[in-house]
Amino acid sequence: MRIDVLCFGAFKDYLPDDADGNRGSLEVPGGSTVGHVVDALGAPRALVFGVLVDGQQAPLDSEIHEGAEITLMPPYSGG
């Protein structure tokens, strides 16, 4: 199934090559979770600070659906 991924901070480094800015699309198997998406991107799960699925906060074990928009945010830094 096809999903959209919106990445911030260090997560942008893990987006597919055809990504547009901080947004990309990814093909994942049916029944995938947010954690599977992080793994498919090749990003370390330890980098995950915040996750949104279709604009709603979600844990890594949340199952996703076709066309979902997954937002991944690393820990915040700076002042």
C-alpha atoms as a PDB file:
ATOM      1  CA  MET A   1       0.000   0.000   0.000  1.00  0.00           C
ATOM      2  CA  ARG A   2       1.129   3.541  -0.684  1.00  0.00           C
ATOM      3  CA  ILE A   3       1.547   6.064   2.122  1.00  0.00           C
ATOM      4  CA  ASP A   4       2.885   9.607   2.399  1.00  0.00           C
ATOM      5  CA  VAL A   5       5.675  10.480   4.815  1.00  0.00           C
ATOM      6  CA  LEU A   6       6.365  13.967   6.141  1.00  0.00           C
ATOM      7  CA  CYS A   7       9.758  14.207   7.872  1.00  0.00           C
ATOM      8  CA  PHE A   8      11.340  16.914   9.988  1.00  0.00           C
ATOM      9  CA  GLY A   9      14.895  17.455  11.198  1.00  0.00           C
ATOM     10  CA  ALA A  10      17.237  14.497  10.845  1.00  0.00           C
ATOM     11  CA  PHE A  11      14.421  12.332   9.451  1.00  0.00           C
ATOM     12  CA  LYS A  12      14.668  14.196   6.141  1.00  0.00           C
ATOM     13  CA  ASP A  13      17.958  12.391   5.497  1.00  0.00           C
ATOM     14  CA  TYR A  14      16.053   9.091   5.310  1.00  0.00           C
ATOM     15  CA  LEU A  15      13.414  10.090   2.761  1.00  0.00           C
ATOM     16  CA  PRO A  16      13.421   8.316  -0.618  1.00  0.00           C
ATOM     17  CA  ASP A  17      15.522   9.901  -3.384  1.00  0.00           C
ATOM     18  CA  ASP A  18      12.404  11.097  -5.214  1.00  0.00           C
ATOM     19  CA  ALA A  19      11.119  13.031  -2.177  1.00  0.00           C
ATOM     20  CA  ASP A  20       9.993  16.627  -2.634  1.00  0.00           C
ATOM     21  CA  GLY A  21      11.485  18.678   0.192  1.00  0.00           C
ATOM     22  CA  ASN A  22      10.480  16.999   3.429  1.00  0.00           C
ATOM     23  CA  ARG A  23       7.649  14.947   1.876  1.00  0.00           C
ATOM     24  CA  GLY A  24       7.827  11.589   0.149  1.00  0.00           C
ATOM     25  CA  SER A  25       5.810   8.497  -0.719  1.00  0.00           C
ATOM     26  CA  LEU A  26       6.568   4.952   0.278  1.00  0.00           C
ATOM     27  CA  GLU A  27       5.201   1.530  -0.605  1.00  0.00           C
ATOM     28  CA  VAL A  28       4.713  -0.723   2.456  1.00  0.00           C
ATOM     29  CA  PRO A  29       2.917  -4.071   2.928  1.00  0.00           C
ATOM     30  CA  GLY A  30      -0.666  -4.159   4.184  1.00  0.00           C
ATOM     31  CA  GLY A  31      -0.855  -4.417   7.974  1.00  0.00           C
ATOM     32  CA  SER A  32       2.252  -2.270   8.442  1.00  0.00           C
ATOM     33  CA  THR A  33       2.719  -0.132  11.538  1.00  0.00           C
ATOM     34  CA  VAL A  34       4.388   3.232  11.995  1.00  0.00           C
ATOM     35  CA  GLY A  35       7.441   1.326  13.258  1.00  0.00           C
ATOM     36  CA  HIS A  36       7.564  -0.611   9.993  1.00  0.00           C
ATOM     37  CA  VAL A  37       7.576   2.706   8.110  1.00  0.00           C
ATOM     38  CA  VAL A  38      10.529   3.951  10.176  1.00  0.00           C
ATOM     39  CA  ASP A  39      12.328   0.662   9.440  1.00  0.00           C
ATOM     40  CA  ALA A  40      11.499   0.889   5.717  1.00  0.00           C
ATOM     41  CA  LEU A  41      13.071   4.350   5.613  1.00  0.00           C
ATOM     42  CA  GLY A  42      16.209   2.943   7.233  1.00  0.00           C
ATOM     43  CA  ALA A  43      15.955   5.390  10.130  1.00  0.00           C
ATOM     44  CA  PRO A  44      16.797   4.363  13.698  1.00  0.00           C
ATOM     45  CA  ARG A  45      13.717   4.004  15.898  1.00  0.00           C
ATOM     46  CA  ALA A  46      15.644   5.807  18.657  1.00  0.00           C
ATOM     47  CA  LEU A  47      15.396   8.961  16.513  1.00  0.00           C
ATOM     48  CA  VAL A  48      11.590   8.992  16.854  1.00  0.00           C
ATOM     49  CA  PHE A  49      10.351  11.647  19.266  1.00  0.00           C
ATOM     50  CA  GLY A  50       6.911  12.378  17.846  1.00  0.00           C
ATOM     51  CA  VAL A  51       4.606  10.613  15.386  1.00  0.00           C
ATOM     52  CA  LEU A  52       1.380  11.738  13.766  1.00  0.00           C
ATOM     53  CA  VAL A  53      -0.855   9.549  11.626  1.00  0.00           C
ATOM     54  CA  ASP A  54      -3.240  11.698   9.616  1.00  0.00           C
ATOM     55  CA  GLY A  55      -2.629  14.555  12.053  1.00  0.00           C
ATOM     56  CA  GLN A  56      -3.292  12.520  15.212  1.00  0.00           C
ATOM     57  CA  GLN A  57      -0.609  11.521  17.711  1.00  0.00           C
ATOM     58  CA  ALA A  58       0.171   7.802  17.444  1.00  0.00           C
ATOM     59  CA  PRO A  59       2.606   5.221  18.876  1.00  0.00           C
ATOM     60  CA  LEU A  60       5.029   3.192  16.763  1.00  0.00           C
ATOM     61  CA  ASP A  61       2.793   0.112  16.958  1.00  0.00           C
ATOM     62  CA  SER A  62      -0.184   1.887  15.327  1.00  0.00           C
ATOM     63  CA  GLU A  63      -1.346   0.067  12.210  1.00  0.00           C
ATOM     64  CA  ILE A  64      -1.594   2.328   9.192  1.00  0.00           C
ATOM     65  CA  HIS A  65      -3.940   2.343   6.203  1.00  0.00           C
ATOM     66  CA  GLU A  66      -3.624   2.970   2.473  1.00  0.00           C
ATOM     67  CA  GLY A  67      -3.033   6.673   1.793  1.00  0.00           C
ATOM     68  CA  ALA A  68      -2.119   7.527   5.392  1.00  0.00           C
ATOM     69  CA  GLU A  69       0.087  10.540   6.051  1.00  0.00           C
ATOM     70  CA  ILE A  70       2.804   9.714   8.581  1.00  0.00           C
ATOM     71  CA  THR A  71       4.646  12.630  10.195  1.00  0.00           C
ATOM     72  CA  LEU A  72       7.967  11.806  11.877  1.00  0.00           C
ATOM     73  CA  MET A  73       9.711  14.225  14.232  1.00  0.00           C
ATOM     74  CA  PRO A  74      13.082  13.809  15.974  1.00  0.00           C
ATOM     75  CA  PRO A  75      13.841  15.318  19.395  1.00  0.00           C
ATOM     76  CA  TYR A  76      13.849  19.109  19.343  1.00  0.00           C
ATOM     77  CA  SER A  77      17.042  21.038  19.920  1.00  0.00           C
ATOM     78  CA  GLY A  78      18.145  24.623  19.974  1.00  0.00           C
ATOM     79  CA  GLY A  79      17.130  27.572  22.017  1.00  0.00           C
END
